[in-house]
Amino acid sequence: MSSTWSVKLRWRELVSRPRFFALVSLLLCVSCSAAKPVGEDAAVAADAAPADAAAEDAGPIAGSDAAADSAKPDTAVADTGPPDLDVAIGDAGLVTAPDGCTPNCKGKICGPNGCGAVCGFCKSGEFCAADGSKCSGFCDKDCTNKACGPDGCNGVCGTCASGLHCGDDFKCYTDSCVGSCAGKVCGDDGCGKTCGLCAGNDFCDAGQCKANACKGIDAQKGNCEGDFLIACTGSGAAAKKLTKDCAAPPNLQNLTCGWDPAVNKNACIAKACDPSCTTDAGDKIVCGNNACGKPCGACADGWKCNVTACAPADGATCTLSNFAQEGQCQGSVWVYCNTGKIKMVDCLKMGFDSCGWNGAAAKFECK
């Protein structure tokens, strides 16, 4: 019993020594190397390299999810968003034009150039206007009077049959059609191709560009020329110039043409306050208010204020200071002062023809 215990103690002492482990490891490596086929040493070395590196790394514990994720190669591609297709060009197509065809991109940033190519593209998510003048973020489909060509929403209004081609006016023409722009700077060449575009708001008339009636007028805000408000309606050949005199009589509000921020355009607005009791024509205001809303005077008892002057009323007080002795006519009504009161007589109702001047009596009366 004691000998067996002694052997166990000596074995434990042996295996606890570092040299014992080194010897065992050496024998195992020699045995493994002898058993491996030729050419596997490099593979073993390659496999061992990550393990040695992982042992020295202070990163995730081997076998954990984090370690497994960190060992995976990073295959994510950065999201650069939609491609930028805004390549609008001027006066040329994106491809070589066929012989005898002149590309026309005047006034266009996108859409067809008239020679089978385009003047430019819109950015992703935008649409080219029917006339190629702009790109917009909303679809405005339009196939009015179109037999072919784009509908403005990345679709088409129709296609031409074999042997026909779609012209710039969205109509079908025979491929053998020969157009002519002789003497023309705009309009159609007779075969669906344009001879040119007019600038700004000018319009094409018989192959020539003409300025419309609203040239130089802001179509949205209008213009001011002194007291005159200049506006425009319609476009092209249908354009009309509208003129309004803001200071036209009676102009009780003392108006002129100017910028109105409430409507964000030019309009008839009140002039700066004028405290004097005179009209724009220089006439004295004897009753009512001035341009600043202050009273300029009052009428006598019974009289009424007629814009800027006092007018007689039936039964109102009258004296030689405020009413002429010869009286007056207001149309067919005879007005005169009698015993200090205004009298008004309708001559027609009294059987007379009219109210007028009686030279012999030197006064107005019914005749």
Protein backbone atom coordinates (compact mmCIF):
# COMPACT_ATOMS: atom_id res chain seq x y z
CA MET A 1 0.00 0.00 0.00
CA SER A 2 2.82 2.34 0.90
CA SER A 3 4.77 1.55 -2.28
CA THR A 4 1.78 2.27 -4.48
CA TRP A 5 1.29 5.64 -2.81
CA SER A 6 4.96 6.40 -3.26
CA VAL A 7 4.71 5.77 -7.02
CA LYS A 8 1.74 8.08 -7.32
CA LEU A 9 3.59 10.85 -5.54
CA ARG A 10 6.61 10.53 -7.83
CA TRP A 11 4.37 10.60 -10.95
CA ARG A 12 2.64 13.74 -9.78
CA GLU A 13 5.99 15.32 -9.11
CA LEU A 14 7.19 14.40 -12.61
CA VAL A 15 4.15 15.68 -14.53
CA SER A 16 4.17 18.94 -12.63
CA ARG A 17 7.61 19.84 -13.98
CA PRO A 18 7.84 22.13 -17.07
CA ARG A 19 10.43 19.91 -18.76
CA PHE A 20 7.95 17.05 -18.83
CA PHE A 21 5.43 19.08 -20.84
CA ALA A 22 8.11 20.31 -23.21
CA LEU A 23 9.25 16.73 -23.91
CA VAL A 24 5.70 15.52 -24.51
CA SER A 25 4.96 18.45 -26.86
CA LEU A 26 8.13 17.70 -28.86
CA LEU A 27 7.22 14.07 -29.29
CA LEU A 28 3.70 14.96 -30.42
CA CYS A 29 4.95 17.46 -33.02
CA VAL A 30 7.43 14.92 -34.44
CA SER A 31 4.70 12.32 -34.61
CA CYS A 32 2.27 14.73 -36.38
CA SER A 33 4.88 15.89 -38.88
CA ALA A 34 5.74 12.33 -39.80
CA ALA A 35 2.08 11.47 -40.39
CA LYS A 36 1.25 14.50 -42.64
CA PRO A 37 1.49 14.25 -46.50
CA VAL A 38 4.08 16.33 -48.29
CA GLY A 39 2.90 19.93 -48.92
CA GLU A 40 0.65 20.30 -45.91
CA ASP A 41 3.25 22.08 -43.76
CA ALA A 42 2.48 25.39 -45.50
CA ALA A 43 -1.23 24.89 -44.98
CA VAL A 44 -0.71 24.09 -41.32
CA ALA A 45 1.47 27.16 -40.93
CA ALA A 46 -1.15 29.28 -42.60
CA ASP A 47 -3.84 27.87 -40.34
CA ALA A 48 -1.69 28.38 -37.30
CA ALA A 49 -0.94 32.02 -38.04
CA PRO A 50 -4.47 33.31 -37.31
CA ALA A 51 -4.62 31.22 -34.14
CA ASP A 52 -1.30 32.63 -32.84
CA ALA A 53 -2.43 36.17 -33.72
CA ALA A 54 -5.77 35.61 -32.00
CA ALA A 55 -3.98 34.38 -28.89
CA GLU A 56 -1.97 37.57 -28.67
CA ASP A 57 -4.95 39.83 -29.55
CA ALA A 58 -6.87 41.36 -26.69
CA GLY A 59 -10.06 41.24 -28.79
CA PRO A 60 -13.16 39.04 -28.46
CA ILE A 61 -12.89 35.57 -26.92
CA ALA A 62 -12.46 32.78 -29.47
CA GLY A 63 -15.72 30.99 -30.14
CA SER A 64 -17.95 33.93 -29.15
CA ASP A 65 -20.38 35.60 -31.58
CA ALA A 66 -18.35 38.81 -31.54
CA ALA A 67 -15.22 36.92 -32.52
CA ALA A 68 -17.06 35.18 -35.34
CA ASP A 69 -18.41 38.48 -36.65
CA SER A 70 -15.01 40.15 -36.50
CA ALA A 71 -13.52 37.33 -38.52
CA LYS A 72 -15.96 37.88 -41.40
CA PRO A 73 -14.69 40.01 -44.30
CA ASP A 74 -16.32 43.46 -44.70
CA THR A 75 -18.30 43.18 -47.95
CA ALA A 76 -20.64 46.19 -47.37
CA VAL A 77 -20.69 48.77 -50.19
CA ALA A 78 -21.19 52.44 -49.30
CA ASP A 79 -24.55 53.80 -50.47
CA THR A 80 -23.84 56.71 -52.82
CA GLY A 81 -27.52 57.36 -53.57
CA PRO A 82 -29.15 57.63 -57.01
CA PRO A 83 -26.88 58.49 -59.94
CA ASP A 84 -26.64 62.14 -60.92
CA LEU A 85 -27.89 62.35 -64.50
CA ASP A 86 -28.03 66.13 -64.80
CA VAL A 87 -25.91 66.48 -67.93
CA ALA A 88 -27.81 69.22 -69.75
CA ILE A 89 -25.86 70.65 -72.66
CA GLY A 90 -26.39 73.45 -75.12
CA ASP A 91 -26.53 73.64 -78.91
CA ALA A 92 -25.59 69.99 -79.45
CA GLY A 93 -26.85 66.43 -79.02
CA LEU A 94 -25.33 63.70 -76.91
CA VAL A 95 -24.50 61.62 -80.00
CA THR A 96 -23.26 62.48 -83.48
CA ALA A 97 -26.10 63.83 -85.57
CA PRO A 98 -26.95 62.15 -88.91
CA ASP A 99 -25.69 63.84 -92.05
CA GLY A 100 -27.82 66.81 -93.03
CA CYS A 101 -29.42 67.21 -89.57
CA THR A 102 -28.58 70.17 -87.34
CA PRO A 103 -29.26 69.58 -83.61
CA ASN A 104 -31.30 72.30 -81.95
CA CYS A 105 -31.08 72.70 -78.17
CA LYS A 106 -31.76 76.44 -78.01
CA GLY A 107 -33.80 77.12 -74.88
CA LYS A 108 -33.70 73.44 -73.88
CA ILE A 109 -31.94 71.59 -71.08
CA CYS A 110 -33.50 68.19 -71.74
CA GLY A 111 -35.62 66.29 -74.26
CA PRO A 112 -35.07 65.61 -77.99
CA ASN A 113 -32.67 67.72 -80.07
CA GLY A 114 -34.38 67.06 -83.39
CA CYS A 115 -31.71 64.69 -84.68
CA GLY A 116 -32.44 61.49 -82.81
CA ALA A 117 -30.52 62.47 -79.67
CA VAL A 118 -31.32 64.57 -76.60
CA CYS A 119 -30.31 67.96 -75.22
CA GLY A 120 -29.78 66.62 -71.72
CA PHE A 121 -31.22 64.50 -68.95
CA CYS A 122 -33.09 65.41 -65.80
CA LYS A 123 -31.98 64.21 -62.38
CA SER A 124 -33.42 61.00 -61.00
CA GLY A 125 -37.03 61.55 -59.94
CA GLU A 126 -37.57 64.62 -62.16
CA PHE A 127 -39.38 64.93 -65.48
CA CYS A 128 -38.55 66.94 -68.58
CA ALA A 129 -41.12 69.56 -69.61
CA ALA A 130 -42.73 69.07 -73.02
CA ASP A 131 -40.76 72.00 -74.48
CA GLY A 132 -37.50 70.84 -72.87
CA SER A 133 -37.11 74.13 -71.00
CA LYS A 134 -37.01 72.72 -67.48
CA CYS A 135 -36.96 69.68 -65.23
CA SER A 136 -39.69 69.44 -62.62
CA GLY A 137 -40.26 67.17 -59.69
CA PHE A 138 -43.80 66.27 -60.61
CA CYS A 139 -45.29 64.51 -63.59
CA ASP A 140 -47.28 66.72 -65.97
CA LYS A 141 -48.62 64.30 -68.58
CA ASP A 142 -49.80 65.95 -71.79
CA CYS A 143 -50.77 64.24 -75.05
CA THR A 144 -52.96 67.03 -76.43
CA ASN A 145 -52.70 67.06 -80.25
CA LYS A 146 -49.84 64.54 -80.10
CA ALA A 147 -49.75 61.44 -82.29
CA CYS A 148 -46.32 60.35 -81.06
CA GLY A 149 -43.42 61.37 -78.84
CA PRO A 150 -43.05 61.75 -75.07
CA ASP A 151 -46.02 62.46 -72.81
CA GLY A 152 -44.00 64.37 -70.21
CA CYS A 153 -44.12 61.51 -67.71
CA ASN A 154 -41.41 59.23 -69.13
CA GLY A 155 -44.04 57.61 -71.35
CA VAL A 156 -45.12 58.10 -74.96
CA CYS A 157 -48.27 59.41 -76.59
CA GLY A 158 -47.96 56.98 -79.49
CA THR A 159 -45.58 55.55 -82.06
CA CYS A 160 -45.34 56.01 -85.82
CA ALA A 161 -45.79 53.14 -88.26
CA SER A 162 -42.92 51.64 -90.25
CA GLY A 163 -41.52 54.12 -92.76
CA LEU A 164 -42.62 57.10 -90.67
CA HIS A 165 -40.82 59.15 -88.03
CA CYS A 166 -42.03 61.38 -85.22
CA GLY A 167 -41.43 65.08 -85.82
CA ASP A 168 -40.66 67.76 -83.27
CA ASP A 169 -44.35 68.74 -83.48
CA PHE A 170 -45.33 65.22 -82.31
CA LYS A 171 -46.83 64.23 -85.66
CA CYS A 172 -45.79 61.37 -87.96
CA TYR A 173 -43.98 62.10 -91.25
CA THR A 174 -42.66 59.86 -94.01
CA ASP A 175 -38.95 59.08 -93.77
CA SER A 176 -38.54 60.34 -97.35
CA CYS A 177 -39.94 63.79 -96.49
CA VAL A 178 -37.43 66.58 -97.25
CA GLY A 179 -37.95 69.75 -95.24
CA SER A 180 -36.75 73.28 -95.85
CA CYS A 181 -35.88 76.20 -93.54
CA ALA A 182 -35.09 78.64 -96.32
CA GLY A 183 -35.92 82.15 -95.13
CA LYS A 184 -37.07 80.87 -91.73
CA VAL A 185 -35.56 81.35 -88.27
CA CYS A 186 -38.30 79.47 -86.40
CA GLY A 187 -41.27 77.24 -86.95
CA ASP A 188 -41.62 73.97 -88.85
CA ASP A 189 -39.59 72.89 -91.88
CA GLY A 190 -42.55 71.02 -93.35
CA CYS A 191 -41.36 67.59 -92.26
CA GLY A 192 -41.69 67.81 -88.51
CA LYS A 193 -38.31 69.39 -87.78
CA THR A 194 -37.96 72.81 -86.21
CA CYS A 195 -36.15 75.66 -87.92
CA GLY A 196 -35.40 77.32 -84.59
CA LEU A 197 -36.93 78.64 -81.38
CA CYS A 198 -37.73 82.22 -80.42
CA ALA A 199 -36.18 83.68 -77.28
CA GLY A 200 -38.10 84.64 -74.16
CA ASN A 201 -41.78 85.48 -74.74
CA ASP A 202 -41.33 86.16 -78.46
CA PHE A 203 -43.51 84.09 -80.76
CA CYS A 204 -43.05 82.61 -84.22
CA ASP A 205 -45.12 84.04 -87.06
CA ALA A 206 -44.60 82.71 -90.61
CA GLY A 207 -41.07 81.58 -89.79
CA GLN A 208 -40.03 84.85 -88.13
CA CYS A 209 -39.73 85.71 -84.43
CA LYS A 210 -41.87 88.60 -83.24
CA ALA A 211 -42.10 90.33 -79.89
CA ASN A 212 -45.48 89.93 -78.20
CA ALA A 213 -47.52 92.78 -76.77
CA CYS A 214 -46.26 92.04 -73.26
CA LYS A 215 -42.54 92.21 -73.99
CA GLY A 216 -40.74 93.73 -71.01
CA ILE A 217 -43.72 93.29 -68.67
CA ASP A 218 -43.43 90.98 -65.67
CA ALA A 219 -46.22 88.49 -66.31
CA GLN A 220 -46.63 87.72 -62.61
CA LYS A 221 -46.01 91.07 -60.90
CA GLY A 222 -46.89 93.65 -63.56
CA ASN A 223 -45.15 97.02 -64.00
CA CYS A 224 -45.74 100.57 -62.81
CA GLU A 225 -45.36 103.62 -65.05
CA GLY A 226 -46.18 106.59 -62.85
CA ASP A 227 -49.82 106.24 -61.79
CA PHE A 228 -50.42 103.60 -64.48
CA LEU A 229 -50.53 99.88 -63.65
CA ILE A 230 -49.32 97.78 -66.59
CA ALA A 231 -50.33 94.11 -66.62
CA CYS A 232 -50.31 91.30 -69.16
CA THR A 233 -52.71 88.52 -70.10
CA GLY A 234 -52.10 85.59 -72.43
CA SER A 235 -48.85 84.68 -74.13
CA GLY A 236 -47.29 84.58 -77.58
CA ALA A 237 -49.50 85.93 -80.33
CA ALA A 238 -52.47 85.98 -77.89
CA ALA A 239 -50.71 88.27 -75.39
CA LYS A 240 -52.52 91.49 -74.47
CA LYS A 241 -51.23 94.52 -72.59
CA LEU A 242 -53.60 95.92 -69.97
CA THR A 243 -53.27 99.48 -68.64
CA LYS A 244 -55.10 100.94 -65.64
CA ASP A 245 -54.90 104.55 -64.45
CA CYS A 246 -54.91 104.27 -60.67
CA ALA A 247 -55.32 108.06 -60.32
CA ALA A 248 -58.33 108.33 -62.65
CA PRO A 249 -61.16 110.51 -61.27
CA PRO A 250 -62.83 110.58 -58.87
CA ASN A 251 -59.86 108.84 -57.13
CA LEU A 252 -61.37 109.46 -53.71
CA GLN A 253 -58.74 107.22 -52.09
CA ASN A 254 -55.84 109.16 -53.64
CA LEU A 255 -54.43 106.07 -55.40
CA THR A 256 -51.30 105.49 -57.45
CA CYS A 257 -49.44 102.46 -58.82
CA GLY A 258 -46.99 100.80 -56.46
CA TRP A 259 -45.82 97.58 -54.85
CA ASP A 260 -48.43 95.85 -52.68
CA PRO A 261 -46.77 93.30 -50.32
CA ALA A 262 -50.17 91.85 -49.41
CA VAL A 263 -50.55 90.38 -52.93
CA ASN A 264 -46.84 90.29 -53.81
CA LYS A 265 -47.25 92.30 -57.00
CA ASN A 266 -47.81 95.83 -58.28
CA ALA A 267 -51.29 97.24 -57.74
CA CYS A 268 -53.25 100.45 -57.18
CA ILE A 269 -52.32 101.59 -53.67
CA ALA A 270 -52.92 104.71 -51.57
CA LYS A 271 -50.42 107.52 -51.95
CA ALA A 272 -48.55 108.89 -48.98
CA CYS A 273 -50.90 110.89 -46.77
CA ASP A 274 -51.52 114.50 -47.96
CA PRO A 275 -52.90 116.60 -45.08
CA SER A 276 -53.84 119.59 -47.29
CA CYS A 277 -57.52 120.15 -48.12
CA THR A 278 -57.01 120.26 -51.87
CA THR A 279 -57.65 117.75 -54.64
CA ASP A 280 -54.97 116.44 -57.02
CA ALA A 281 -56.18 119.09 -59.46
CA GLY A 282 -55.64 121.82 -56.83
CA ASP A 283 -59.33 122.46 -56.06
CA LYS A 284 -60.20 123.37 -52.49
CA ILE A 285 -62.01 120.72 -50.44
CA VAL A 286 -64.69 122.61 -48.47
CA CYS A 287 -66.32 119.60 -46.82
CA GLY A 288 -65.54 115.99 -46.10
CA ASN A 289 -62.09 114.64 -45.25
CA ASN A 290 -58.63 115.13 -46.68
CA ALA A 291 -56.31 112.31 -47.80
CA CYS A 292 -55.32 111.69 -44.17
CA GLY A 293 -58.92 111.24 -43.04
CA LYS A 294 -59.09 114.60 -41.26
CA PRO A 295 -62.16 116.87 -41.79
CA CYS A 296 -61.73 119.84 -44.12
CA GLY A 297 -65.02 121.54 -43.23
CA ALA A 298 -68.79 121.11 -42.82
CA CYS A 299 -71.81 122.20 -44.83
CA ALA A 300 -74.54 124.62 -43.62
CA ASP A 301 -77.69 123.29 -42.02
CA GLY A 302 -79.58 121.07 -44.44
CA TRP A 303 -76.88 121.10 -47.10
CA LYS A 304 -75.13 117.86 -48.13
CA CYS A 305 -71.48 117.26 -48.95
CA ASN A 306 -71.07 116.17 -52.56
CA VAL A 307 -67.50 114.72 -52.58
CA THR A 308 -65.63 118.00 -52.02
CA ALA A 309 -68.33 120.71 -52.19
CA CYS A 310 -71.59 121.44 -50.41
CA ALA A 311 -74.73 120.78 -52.46
CA PRO A 312 -78.19 122.28 -51.80
CA ALA A 313 -81.02 120.10 -50.51
CA ASP A 314 -84.73 120.87 -50.46
CA GLY A 315 -85.57 122.89 -47.34
CA ALA A 316 -81.92 123.69 -46.48
CA THR A 317 -81.02 127.15 -45.16
CA CYS A 318 -79.94 129.58 -47.88
CA THR A 319 -78.50 133.05 -47.89
CA LEU A 320 -76.87 135.27 -50.48
CA SER A 321 -73.53 134.11 -49.09
CA ASN A 322 -74.04 130.46 -49.88
CA PHE A 323 -76.53 130.46 -52.74
CA ALA A 324 -76.78 132.68 -55.81
CA GLN A 325 -79.87 134.85 -56.11
CA GLU A 326 -80.47 133.76 -59.71
CA GLY A 327 -80.81 130.15 -58.64
CA GLN A 328 -79.59 127.16 -60.73
CA CYS A 329 -80.68 124.18 -62.74
CA GLN A 330 -79.80 120.60 -61.84
CA GLY A 331 -80.91 118.83 -64.98
CA SER A 332 -84.64 119.42 -65.24
CA VAL A 333 -84.86 120.51 -61.58
CA TRP A 334 -85.07 124.24 -60.82
CA VAL A 335 -83.33 125.16 -57.56
CA TYR A 336 -83.79 128.60 -55.99
CA CYS A 337 -83.79 130.34 -52.59
CA ASN A 338 -87.19 131.47 -51.25
CA THR A 339 -87.62 133.13 -47.85
CA GLY A 340 -84.34 131.66 -46.60
CA LYS A 341 -85.06 128.07 -47.67
CA ILE A 342 -84.00 126.06 -50.70
CA LYS A 343 -86.81 125.18 -53.07
CA MET A 344 -86.45 122.41 -55.65
CA VAL A 345 -88.99 122.10 -58.50
CA ASP A 346 -89.02 119.30 -61.09
CA CYS A 347 -89.96 121.20 -64.25
CA LEU A 348 -91.03 118.08 -66.18
CA LYS A 349 -93.47 117.06 -63.48
CA MET A 350 -94.87 120.59 -63.50
CA GLY A 351 -95.64 120.34 -67.24
CA PHE A 352 -92.65 122.35 -68.50
CA ASP A 353 -90.18 121.19 -71.09
CA SER A 354 -87.02 121.91 -69.12
CA CYS A 355 -85.16 124.11 -66.68
CA GLY A 356 -83.08 126.90 -68.22
CA TRP A 357 -81.88 130.48 -68.22
CA ASN A 358 -84.39 133.30 -68.68
CA GLY A 359 -82.41 136.22 -70.03
CA ALA A 360 -85.25 138.72 -69.57
CA ALA A 361 -85.63 137.88 -65.91
CA ALA A 362 -81.88 137.24 -65.42
CA LYS A 363 -82.44 134.02 -63.56
CA PHE A 364 -82.94 130.27 -63.94
CA GLU A 365 -86.49 128.89 -64.07
CA CYS A 366 -88.79 126.29 -65.66
CA LYS A 367 -89.44 126.91 -69.37
